[in-house]
Amino acid sequence: MYRWQVSVKRGAESFVMPAPPAPPAIFRIISQRERDELVRARAEAGDDHLLLALLYARAGIVDEARRELHAYERSSRDPLAGRLRGQLPT
């Protein structure tokens, strides 16, 4: 896990982003194994949006997981997709 923060200087003024009370910007880099699994799943089952959503979510790639769940919901009309999307971290 990494925290991201930027210090900005503009003339005599300086500030930090994200500034409190905003939460810190936190990210992580996925492992080679997770990346390989996602690449393989995309190649072998690229139209299985539920599988891809679950793999993305497990790897912590929440925006892609949401997109895949949205595609799954559109194609299947399965209400499970909405419930799963609601369980993803913001």
PDB file of N, CA and C in Angstrom:
ATOM      1  N   MET A   1       0.847  -1.170   0.000  1.00  0.00           N
ATOM      2  CA  MET A   1       0.000   0.000   0.000  1.00  0.00           C
ATOM      3  C   MET A   1       0.896   1.237   0.000  1.00  0.00           C
ATOM      4  N   TYR A   2       0.494   2.198  -0.779  1.00  0.00           N
ATOM      5  CA  TYR A   2       1.231   3.454  -0.865  1.00  0.00           C
ATOM      6  C   TYR A   2       0.280   4.611  -0.583  1.00  0.00           C
ATOM      7  N   ARG A   3       0.819   5.650  -0.005  1.00  0.00           N
ATOM      8  CA  ARG A   3       0.078   6.896   0.186  1.00  0.00           C
ATOM      9  C   ARG A   3       0.669   7.919  -0.763  1.00  0.00           C
ATOM     10  N   TRP A   4      -0.195   8.674  -1.368  1.00  0.00           N
ATOM     11  CA  TRP A   4       0.219   9.670  -2.331  1.00  0.00           C
ATOM     12  C   TRP A   4      -0.120  11.038  -1.782  1.00  0.00           C
ATOM     13  N   GLN A   5       0.829  11.966  -1.875  1.00  0.00           N
ATOM     14  CA  GLN A   5       0.603  13.326  -1.435  1.00  0.00           C
ATOM     15  C   GLN A   5       1.509  14.241  -2.253  1.00  0.00           C
ATOM     16  N   VAL A   6       0.989  15.387  -2.612  1.00  0.00           N
ATOM     17  CA  VAL A   6       1.742  16.338  -3.419  1.00  0.00           C
ATOM     18  C   VAL A   6       1.885  17.645  -2.652  1.00  0.00           C
ATOM     19  N   SER A   7       3.093  18.168  -2.635  1.00  0.00           N
ATOM     20  CA  SER A   7       3.335  19.505  -2.080  1.00  0.00           C
ATOM     21  C   SER A   7       3.465  20.468  -3.252  1.00  0.00           C
ATOM     22  N   VAL A   8       2.695  21.535  -3.200  1.00  0.00           N
ATOM     23  CA  VAL A   8       2.675  22.499  -4.290  1.00  0.00           C
ATOM     24  C   VAL A   8       3.170  23.845  -3.769  1.00  0.00           C
ATOM     25  N   LYS A   9       4.044  24.470  -4.541  1.00  0.00           N
ATOM     26  CA  LYS A   9       4.503  25.817  -4.218  1.00  0.00           C
ATOM     27  C   LYS A   9       4.153  26.719  -5.398  1.00  0.00           C
ATOM     28  N   ARG A  10       3.465  27.775  -5.084  1.00  0.00           N
ATOM     29  CA  ARG A  10       3.101  28.764  -6.107  1.00  0.00           C
ATOM     30  C   ARG A  10       3.476  30.125  -5.550  1.00  0.00           C
ATOM     31  N   GLY A  11       4.615  30.625  -5.986  1.00  0.00           N
ATOM     32  CA  GLY A  11       5.128  31.871  -5.413  1.00  0.00           C
ATOM     33  C   GLY A  11       5.483  31.643  -3.962  1.00  0.00           C
ATOM     34  N   ALA A  12       4.959  32.487  -3.081  1.00  0.00           N
ATOM     35  CA  ALA A  12       5.219  32.355  -1.641  1.00  0.00           C
ATOM     36  C   ALA A  12       4.245  31.383  -0.987  1.00  0.00           C
ATOM     37  N   GLU A  13       3.239  30.989  -1.721  1.00  0.00           N
ATOM     38  CA  GLU A  13       2.197  30.116  -1.181  1.00  0.00           C
ATOM     39  C   GLU A  13       2.573  28.644  -1.399  1.00  0.00           C
ATOM     40  N   SER A  14       2.301  27.804  -0.405  1.00  0.00           N
ATOM     41  CA  SER A  14       2.500  26.363  -0.562  1.00  0.00           C
ATOM     42  C   SER A  14       1.368  25.634   0.144  1.00  0.00           C
ATOM     43  N   PHE A  15       1.015  24.485  -0.412  1.00  0.00           N
ATOM     44  CA  PHE A  15      -0.034  23.662   0.184  1.00  0.00           C
ATOM     45  C   PHE A  15       0.173  22.212  -0.207  1.00  0.00           C
ATOM     46  N   VAL A  16      -0.525  21.344   0.493  1.00  0.00           N
ATOM     47  CA  VAL A  16      -0.417  19.900   0.291  1.00  0.00           C
ATOM     48  C   VAL A  16      -1.760  19.374  -0.190  1.00  0.00           C
ATOM     49  N   MET A  17      -1.713  18.445  -1.140  1.00  0.00           N
ATOM     50  CA  MET A  17      -2.934  17.802  -1.639  1.00  0.00           C
ATOM     51  C   MET A  17      -2.763  16.288  -1.532  1.00  0.00           C
ATOM     52  N   PRO A  18      -3.745  15.536  -1.156  1.00  0.00           N
ATOM     53  CA  PRO A  18      -5.021  16.010  -0.656  1.00  0.00           C
ATOM     54  C   PRO A  18      -4.863  16.641   0.720  1.00  0.00           C
ATOM     55  N   ALA A  19      -5.587  17.723   0.922  1.00  0.00           N
ATOM     56  CA  ALA A  19      -5.484  18.480   2.175  1.00  0.00           C
ATOM     57  C   ALA A  19      -6.543  18.008   3.161  1.00  0.00           C
ATOM     58  N   PRO A  20      -6.208  17.947   4.428  1.00  0.00           N
ATOM     59  CA  PRO A  20      -7.211  17.594   5.430  1.00  0.00           C
ATOM     60  C   PRO A  20      -8.398  18.550   5.327  1.00  0.00           C
ATOM     61  N   PRO A  21      -9.592  18.097   5.522  1.00  0.00           N
ATOM     62  CA  PRO A  21     -10.000  16.805   6.069  1.00  0.00           C
ATOM     63  C   PRO A  21     -10.184  15.715   5.016  1.00  0.00           C
ATOM     64  N   ALA A  22      -9.763  15.954   3.773  1.00  0.00           N
ATOM     65  CA  ALA A  22      -9.884  14.919   2.741  1.00  0.00           C
ATOM     66  C   ALA A  22      -9.066  13.692   3.148  1.00  0.00           C
ATOM     67  N   PRO A  23      -9.580  12.508   2.831  1.00  0.00           N
ATOM     68  CA  PRO A  23      -8.816  11.299   3.179  1.00  0.00           C
ATOM     69  C   PRO A  23      -7.540  11.204   2.343  1.00  0.00           C
ATOM     70  N   PRO A  24      -6.554  10.486   2.822  1.00  0.00           N
ATOM     71  CA  PRO A  24      -5.319  10.341   2.053  1.00  0.00           C
ATOM     72  C   PRO A  24      -5.567   9.541   0.774  1.00  0.00           C
ATOM     73  N   ALA A  25      -4.785   9.817  -0.239  1.00  0.00           N
ATOM     74  CA  ALA A  25      -4.843   9.049  -1.480  1.00  0.00           C
ATOM     75  C   ALA A  25      -3.981   7.804  -1.281  1.00  0.00           C
ATOM     76  N   ILE A  26      -4.621   6.644  -1.287  1.00  0.00           N
ATOM     77  CA  ILE A  26      -3.928   5.380  -1.036  1.00  0.00           C
ATOM     78  C   ILE A  26      -4.091   4.477  -2.251  1.00  0.00           C
ATOM     79  N   PHE A  27      -3.022   3.815  -2.639  1.00  0.00           N
ATOM     80  CA  PHE A  27      -3.103   2.862  -3.742  1.00  0.00           C
ATOM     81  C   PHE A  27      -2.134   1.729  -3.501  1.00  0.00           C
ATOM     82  N   ARG A  28      -2.328   0.671  -4.266  1.00  0.00           N
ATOM     83  CA  ARG A  28      -1.378  -0.429  -4.231  1.00  0.00           C
ATOM     84  C   ARG A  28      -1.147  -0.899  -5.650  1.00  0.00           C
ATOM     85  N   ILE A  29      -0.042  -1.537  -5.861  1.00  0.00           N
ATOM     86  CA  ILE A  29       0.308  -2.089  -7.166  1.00  0.00           C
ATOM     87  C   ILE A  29      -0.004  -3.570  -7.122  1.00  0.00           C
ATOM     88  N   ILE A  30      -0.736  -4.047  -8.129  1.00  0.00           N
ATOM     89  CA  ILE A  30      -1.103  -5.458  -8.112  1.00  0.00           C
ATOM     90  C   ILE A  30       0.127  -6.319  -8.401  1.00  0.00           C
ATOM     91  N   SER A  31       0.053  -7.552  -7.943  1.00  0.00           N
ATOM     92  CA  SER A  31       1.173  -8.476  -8.134  1.00  0.00           C
ATOM     93  C   SER A  31       1.204  -8.974  -9.583  1.00  0.00           C
ATOM     94  N   GLN A  32       2.317  -9.522  -9.962  1.00  0.00           N
ATOM     95  CA  GLN A  32       2.451 -10.108 -11.297  1.00  0.00           C
ATOM     96  C   GLN A  32       1.440 -11.240 -11.475  1.00  0.00           C
ATOM     97  N   ARG A  33       1.226 -12.024 -10.423  1.00  0.00           N
ATOM     98  CA  ARG A  33       0.250 -13.118 -10.486  1.00  0.00           C
ATOM     99  C   ARG A  33      -1.159 -12.589 -10.750  1.00  0.00           C
ATOM    100  N   GLU A  34      -1.550 -11.522 -10.044  1.00  0.00           N
ATOM    101  CA  GLU A  34      -2.870 -10.927 -10.257  1.00  0.00           C
ATOM    102  C   GLU A  34      -2.996 -10.378 -11.673  1.00  0.00           C
ATOM    103  N   ARG A  35      -1.956  -9.729 -12.142  1.00  0.00           N
ATOM    104  CA  ARG A  35      -1.967  -9.182 -13.497  1.00  0.00           C
ATOM    105  C   ARG A  35      -2.117 -10.304 -14.524  1.00  0.00           C
ATOM    106  N   ASP A  36      -1.319 -11.370 -14.359  1.00  0.00           N
ATOM    107  CA  ASP A  36      -1.386 -12.501 -15.294  1.00  0.00           C
ATOM    108  C   ASP A  36      -2.769 -13.140 -15.290  1.00  0.00           C
ATOM    109  N   GLU A  37      -3.356 -13.259 -14.109  1.00  0.00           N
ATOM    110  CA  GLU A  37      -4.692 -13.848 -13.994  1.00  0.00           C
ATOM    111  C   GLU A  37      -5.730 -12.988 -14.723  1.00  0.00           C
ATOM    112  N   LEU A  38      -5.628 -11.681 -14.580  1.00  0.00           N
ATOM    113  CA  LEU A  38      -6.553 -10.785 -15.263  1.00  0.00           C
ATOM    114  C   LEU A  38      -6.368 -10.830 -16.781  1.00  0.00           C
ATOM    115  N   VAL A  39      -5.134 -10.835 -17.231  1.00  0.00           N
ATOM    116  CA  VAL A  39      -4.856 -10.908 -18.664  1.00  0.00           C
ATOM    117  C   VAL A  39      -5.390 -12.216 -19.240  1.00  0.00           C
ATOM    118  N   ARG A  40      -5.143 -13.313 -18.538  1.00  0.00           N
ATOM    119  CA  ARG A  40      -5.612 -14.626 -18.996  1.00  0.00           C
ATOM    120  C   ARG A  40      -7.141 -14.674 -19.026  1.00  0.00           C
ATOM    121  N   ALA A  41      -7.786 -14.177 -17.983  1.00  0.00           N
ATOM    122  CA  ALA A  41      -9.255 -14.189 -17.938  1.00  0.00           C
ATOM    123  C   ALA A  41      -9.826 -13.319 -19.046  1.00  0.00           C
ATOM    124  N   ARG A  42      -9.238 -12.169 -19.283  1.00  0.00           N
ATOM    125  CA  ARG A  42      -9.723 -11.280 -20.349  1.00  0.00           C
ATOM    126  C   ARG A  42      -9.587 -11.971 -21.709  1.00  0.00           C
ATOM    127  N   ALA A  43      -8.488 -12.702 -21.928  1.00  0.00           N
ATOM    128  CA  ALA A  43      -8.267 -13.382 -23.209  1.00  0.00           C
ATOM    129  C   ALA A  43      -9.188 -14.593 -23.371  1.00  0.00           C
ATOM    130  N   GLU A  44      -9.370 -15.355 -22.300  1.00  0.00           N
ATOM    131  CA  GLU A  44     -10.128 -16.608 -22.401  1.00  0.00           C
ATOM    132  C   GLU A  44     -11.626 -16.433 -22.165  1.00  0.00           C
ATOM    133  N   ALA A  45     -12.011 -15.437 -21.384  1.00  0.00           N
ATOM    134  CA  ALA A  45     -13.422 -15.273 -21.031  1.00  0.00           C
ATOM    135  C   ALA A  45     -13.783 -13.795 -21.013  1.00  0.00           C
ATOM    136  N   GLY A  46     -13.371 -13.078 -22.049  1.00  0.00           N
ATOM    137  CA  GLY A  46     -13.554 -11.635 -22.098  1.00  0.00           C
ATOM    138  C   GLY A  46     -14.979 -11.173 -22.006  1.00  0.00           C
ATOM    139  N   ASP A  47     -15.931 -12.056 -22.322  1.00  0.00           N
ATOM    140  CA  ASP A  47     -17.334 -11.651 -22.246  1.00  0.00           C
ATOM    141  C   ASP A  47     -17.994 -12.098 -20.943  1.00  0.00           C
ATOM    142  N   ASP A  48     -17.234 -12.688 -20.043  1.00  0.00           N
ATOM    143  CA  ASP A  48     -17.768 -13.102 -18.738  1.00  0.00           C
ATOM    144  C   ASP A  48     -17.550 -11.954 -17.753  1.00  0.00           C
ATOM    145  N   HIS A  49     -18.482 -11.001 -17.780  1.00  0.00           N
ATOM    146  CA  HIS A  49     -18.329  -9.789 -16.989  1.00  0.00           C
ATOM    147  C   HIS A  49     -18.344 -10.056 -15.488  1.00  0.00           C
ATOM    148  N   LEU A  50     -19.094 -11.048 -15.062  1.00  0.00           N
ATOM    149  CA  LEU A  50     -19.131 -11.352 -13.631  1.00  0.00           C
ATOM    150  C   LEU A  50     -17.777 -11.880 -13.156  1.00  0.00           C
ATOM    151  N   LEU A  51     -17.181 -12.802 -13.907  1.00  0.00           N
ATOM    152  CA  LEU A  51     -15.858 -13.325 -13.556  1.00  0.00           C
ATOM    153  C   LEU A  51     -14.837 -12.193 -13.503  1.00  0.00           C
ATOM    154  N   LEU A  52     -14.830 -11.343 -14.535  1.00  0.00           N
ATOM    155  CA  LEU A  52     -13.868 -10.248 -14.570  1.00  0.00           C
ATOM    156  C   LEU A  52     -14.095  -9.280 -13.416  1.00  0.00           C
ATOM    157  N   ALA A  53     -15.362  -8.999 -13.099  1.00  0.00           N
ATOM    158  CA  ALA A  53     -15.656  -8.109 -11.973  1.00  0.00           C
ATOM    159  C   ALA A  53     -15.101  -8.675 -10.676  1.00  0.00           C
ATOM    160  N   LEU A  54     -15.287  -9.961 -10.459  1.00  0.00           N
ATOM    161  CA  LEU A  54     -14.795 -10.583  -9.230  1.00  0.00           C
ATOM    162  C   LEU A  54     -13.269 -10.568  -9.163  1.00  0.00           C
ATOM    163  N   LEU A  55     -12.622 -10.835 -10.292  1.00  0.00           N
ATOM    164  CA  LEU A  55     -11.150 -10.808 -10.312  1.00  0.00           C
ATOM    165  C   LEU A  55     -10.620  -9.394 -10.076  1.00  0.00           C
ATOM    166  N   TYR A  56     -11.242  -8.409 -10.720  1.00  0.00           N
ATOM    167  CA  TYR A  56     -10.825  -7.024 -10.498  1.00  0.00           C
ATOM    168  C   TYR A  56     -11.036  -6.624  -9.038  1.00  0.00           C
ATOM    169  N   ALA A  57     -12.178  -6.987  -8.480  1.00  0.00           N
ATOM    170  CA  ALA A  57     -12.467  -6.635  -7.087  1.00  0.00           C
ATOM    171  C   ALA A  57     -11.458  -7.284  -6.151  1.00  0.00           C
ATOM    172  N   ARG A  58     -11.149  -8.555  -6.397  1.00  0.00           N
ATOM    173  CA  ARG A  58     -10.182  -9.252  -5.546  1.00  0.00           C
ATOM    174  C   ARG A  58      -8.807  -8.591  -5.623  1.00  0.00           C
ATOM    175  N   ALA A  59      -8.455  -8.055  -6.800  1.00  0.00           N
ATOM    176  CA  ALA A  59      -7.161  -7.380  -6.970  1.00  0.00           C
ATOM    177  C   ALA A  59      -7.195  -5.941  -6.461  1.00  0.00           C
ATOM    178  N   GLY A  60      -8.385  -5.463  -6.066  1.00  0.00           N
ATOM    179  CA  GLY A  60      -8.503  -4.108  -5.550  1.00  0.00           C
ATOM    180  C   GLY A  60      -8.679  -3.049  -6.621  1.00  0.00           C
ATOM    181  N   ILE A  61      -9.003  -3.470  -7.844  1.00  0.00           N
ATOM    182  CA  ILE A  61      -9.202  -2.531  -8.953  1.00  0.00           C
ATOM    183  C   ILE A  61     -10.700  -2.250  -9.034  1.00  0.00           C
ATOM    184  N   VAL A  62     -11.141  -1.388  -8.144  1.00  0.00           N
ATOM    185  CA  VAL A  62     -12.570  -1.198  -7.890  1.00  0.00           C
ATOM    186  C   VAL A  62     -13.298  -0.561  -9.066  1.00  0.00           C
ATOM    187  N   ASP A  63     -12.697   0.427  -9.723  1.00  0.00           N
ATOM    188  CA  ASP A  63     -13.386   1.071 -10.850  1.00  0.00           C
ATOM    189  C   ASP A  63     -13.666   0.079 -11.971  1.00  0.00           C
ATOM    190  N   GLU A  64     -12.693  -0.768 -12.282  1.00  0.00           N
ATOM    191  CA  GLU A  64     -12.902  -1.784 -13.331  1.00  0.00           C
ATOM    192  C   GLU A  64     -13.937  -2.816 -12.882  1.00  0.00           C
ATOM    193  N   ALA A  65     -13.903  -3.183 -11.608  1.00  0.00           N
ATOM    194  CA  ALA A  65     -14.903  -4.117 -11.083  1.00  0.00           C
ATOM    195  C   ALA A  65     -16.301  -3.539 -11.256  1.00  0.00           C
ATOM    196  N   ARG A  66     -16.461  -2.259 -10.950  1.00  0.00           N
ATOM    197  CA  ARG A  66     -17.772  -1.603 -11.133  1.00  0.00           C
ATOM    198  C   ARG A  66     -18.205  -1.622 -12.591  1.00  0.00           C
ATOM    199  N   ARG A  67     -17.265  -1.316 -13.493  1.00  0.00           N
ATOM    200  CA  ARG A  67     -17.601  -1.306 -14.925  1.00  0.00           C
ATOM    201  C   ARG A  67     -18.050  -2.693 -15.388  1.00  0.00           C
ATOM    202  N   GLU A  68     -17.328  -3.713 -14.942  1.00  0.00           N
ATOM    203  CA  GLU A  68     -17.692  -5.077 -15.344  1.00  0.00           C
ATOM    204  C   GLU A  68     -19.037  -5.484 -14.744  1.00  0.00           C
ATOM    205  N   LEU A  69     -19.310  -5.097 -13.501  1.00  0.00           N
ATOM    206  CA  LEU A  69     -20.610  -5.415 -12.899  1.00  0.00           C
ATOM    207  C   LEU A  69     -21.729  -4.683 -13.621  1.00  0.00           C
ATOM    208  N   HIS A  70     -21.470  -3.456 -14.042  1.00  0.00           N
ATOM    209  CA  HIS A  70     -22.469  -2.711 -14.801  1.00  0.00           C
ATOM    210  C   HIS A  70     -22.748  -3.417 -16.135  1.00  0.00           C
ATOM    211  N   ALA A  71     -21.699  -3.861 -16.815  1.00  0.00           N
ATOM    212  CA  ALA A  71     -21.874  -4.593 -18.081  1.00  0.00           C
ATOM    213  C   ALA A  71     -22.617  -5.905 -17.844  1.00  0.00           C
ATOM    214  N   TYR A  72     -22.293  -6.583 -16.750  1.00  0.00           N
ATOM    215  CA  TYR A  72     -22.983  -7.837 -16.410  1.00  0.00           C
ATOM    216  C   TYR A  72     -24.469  -7.580 -16.170  1.00  0.00           C
ATOM    217  N   GLU A  73     -24.764  -6.521 -15.437  1.00  0.00           N
ATOM    218  CA  GLU A  73     -26.157  -6.191 -15.126  1.00  0.00           C
ATOM    219  C   GLU A  73     -26.931  -5.852 -16.400  1.00  0.00           C
ATOM    220  N   ARG A  74     -26.302  -5.096 -17.303  1.00  0.00           N
ATOM    221  CA  ARG A  74     -26.961  -4.746 -18.571  1.00  0.00           C
ATOM    222  C   ARG A  74     -27.247  -5.985 -19.404  1.00  0.00           C
ATOM    223  N   SER A  75     -26.302  -6.916 -19.454  1.00  0.00           N
ATOM    224  CA  SER A  75     -26.472  -8.091 -20.319  1.00  0.00           C
ATOM    225  C   SER A  75     -27.346  -9.171 -19.693  1.00  0.00           C
ATOM    226  N   SER A  76     -27.369  -9.266 -18.367  1.00  0.00           N
ATOM    227  CA  SER A  76     -28.094 -10.367 -17.727  1.00  0.00           C
ATOM    228  C   SER A  76     -29.359  -9.925 -16.996  1.00  0.00           C
ATOM    229  N   ARG A  77     -29.419  -8.643 -16.666  1.00  0.00           N
ATOM    230  CA  ARG A  77     -30.515  -8.095 -15.850  1.00  0.00           C
ATOM    231  C   ARG A  77     -30.593  -8.776 -14.480  1.00  0.00           C
ATOM    232  N   ASP A  78     -29.464  -9.296 -14.021  1.00  0.00           N
ATOM    233  CA  ASP A  78     -29.376  -9.977 -12.732  1.00  0.00           C
ATOM    234  C   ASP A  78     -29.243  -8.937 -11.623  1.00  0.00           C
ATOM    235  N   PRO A  79     -30.184  -8.899 -10.656  1.00  0.00           N
ATOM    236  CA  PRO A  79     -30.092  -7.911  -9.579  1.00  0.00           C
ATOM    237  C   PRO A  79     -28.880  -8.115  -8.668  1.00  0.00           C
ATOM    238  N   LEU A  80     -28.240  -9.274  -8.748  1.00  0.00           N
ATOM    239  CA  LEU A  80     -27.038  -9.529  -7.960  1.00  0.00           C
ATOM    240  C   LEU A  80     -25.955  -8.491  -8.254  1.00  0.00           C
ATOM    241  N   ALA A  81     -25.868  -8.058  -9.496  1.00  0.00           N
ATOM    242  CA  ALA A  81     -24.823  -7.097  -9.881  1.00  0.00           C
ATOM    243  C   ALA A  81     -24.929  -5.809  -9.080  1.00  0.00           C
ATOM    244  N   GLY A  82     -26.131  -5.297  -8.932  1.00  0.00           N
ATOM    245  CA  GLY A  82     -26.315  -4.073  -8.144  1.00  0.00           C
ATOM    246  C   GLY A  82     -25.947  -4.255  -6.704  1.00  0.00           C
ATOM    247  N   ARG A  83     -26.299  -5.392  -6.143  1.00  0.00           N
ATOM    248  CA  ARG A  83     -25.954  -5.668  -4.742  1.00  0.00           C
ATOM    249  C   ARG A  83     -24.439  -5.778  -4.579  1.00  0.00           C
ATOM    250  N   LEU A  84     -23.782  -6.440  -5.519  1.00  0.00           N
ATOM    251  CA  LEU A  84     -22.323  -6.563  -5.462  1.00  0.00           C
ATOM    252  C   LEU A  84     -21.650  -5.200  -5.613  1.00  0.00           C
ATOM    253  N   ARG A  85     -22.154  -4.397  -6.528  1.00  0.00           N
ATOM    254  CA  ARG A  85     -21.579  -3.049  -6.712  1.00  0.00           C
ATOM    255  C   ARG A  85     -21.689  -2.257  -5.416  1.00  0.00           C
ATOM    256  N   GLY A  86     -22.789  -2.423  -4.707  1.00  0.00           N
ATOM    257  CA  GLY A  86     -22.979  -1.720  -3.449  1.00  0.00           C
ATOM    258  C   GLY A  86     -22.022  -2.154  -2.363  1.00  0.00           C
ATOM    259  N   GLN A  87     -21.429  -3.326  -2.509  1.00  0.00           N
ATOM    260  CA  GLN A  87     -20.495  -3.841  -1.499  1.00  0.00           C
ATOM    261  C   GLN A  87     -19.045  -3.450  -1.788  1.00  0.00           C
ATOM    262  N   LEU A  88     -18.796  -2.883  -2.965  1.00  0.00           N
ATOM    263  CA  LEU A  88     -17.432  -2.465  -3.298  1.00  0.00           C
ATOM    264  C   LEU A  88     -17.058  -1.225  -2.493  1.00  0.00           C
ATOM    265  N   PRO A  89     -15.805  -1.124  -2.090  1.00  0.00           N
ATOM    266  CA  PRO A  89     -15.382   0.074  -1.358  1.00  0.00           C
ATOM    267  C   PRO A  89     -15.468   1.303  -2.253  1.00  0.00           C
ATOM    268  N   THR A  90     -15.648   2.448  -1.621  1.00  0.00           N
ATOM    269  CA  THR A  90     -15.727   3.696  -2.386  1.00  0.00           C
ATOM    270  C   THR A  90     -14.385   4.353  -2.494  1.00  0.00           C
TER     271      THR A  90
END
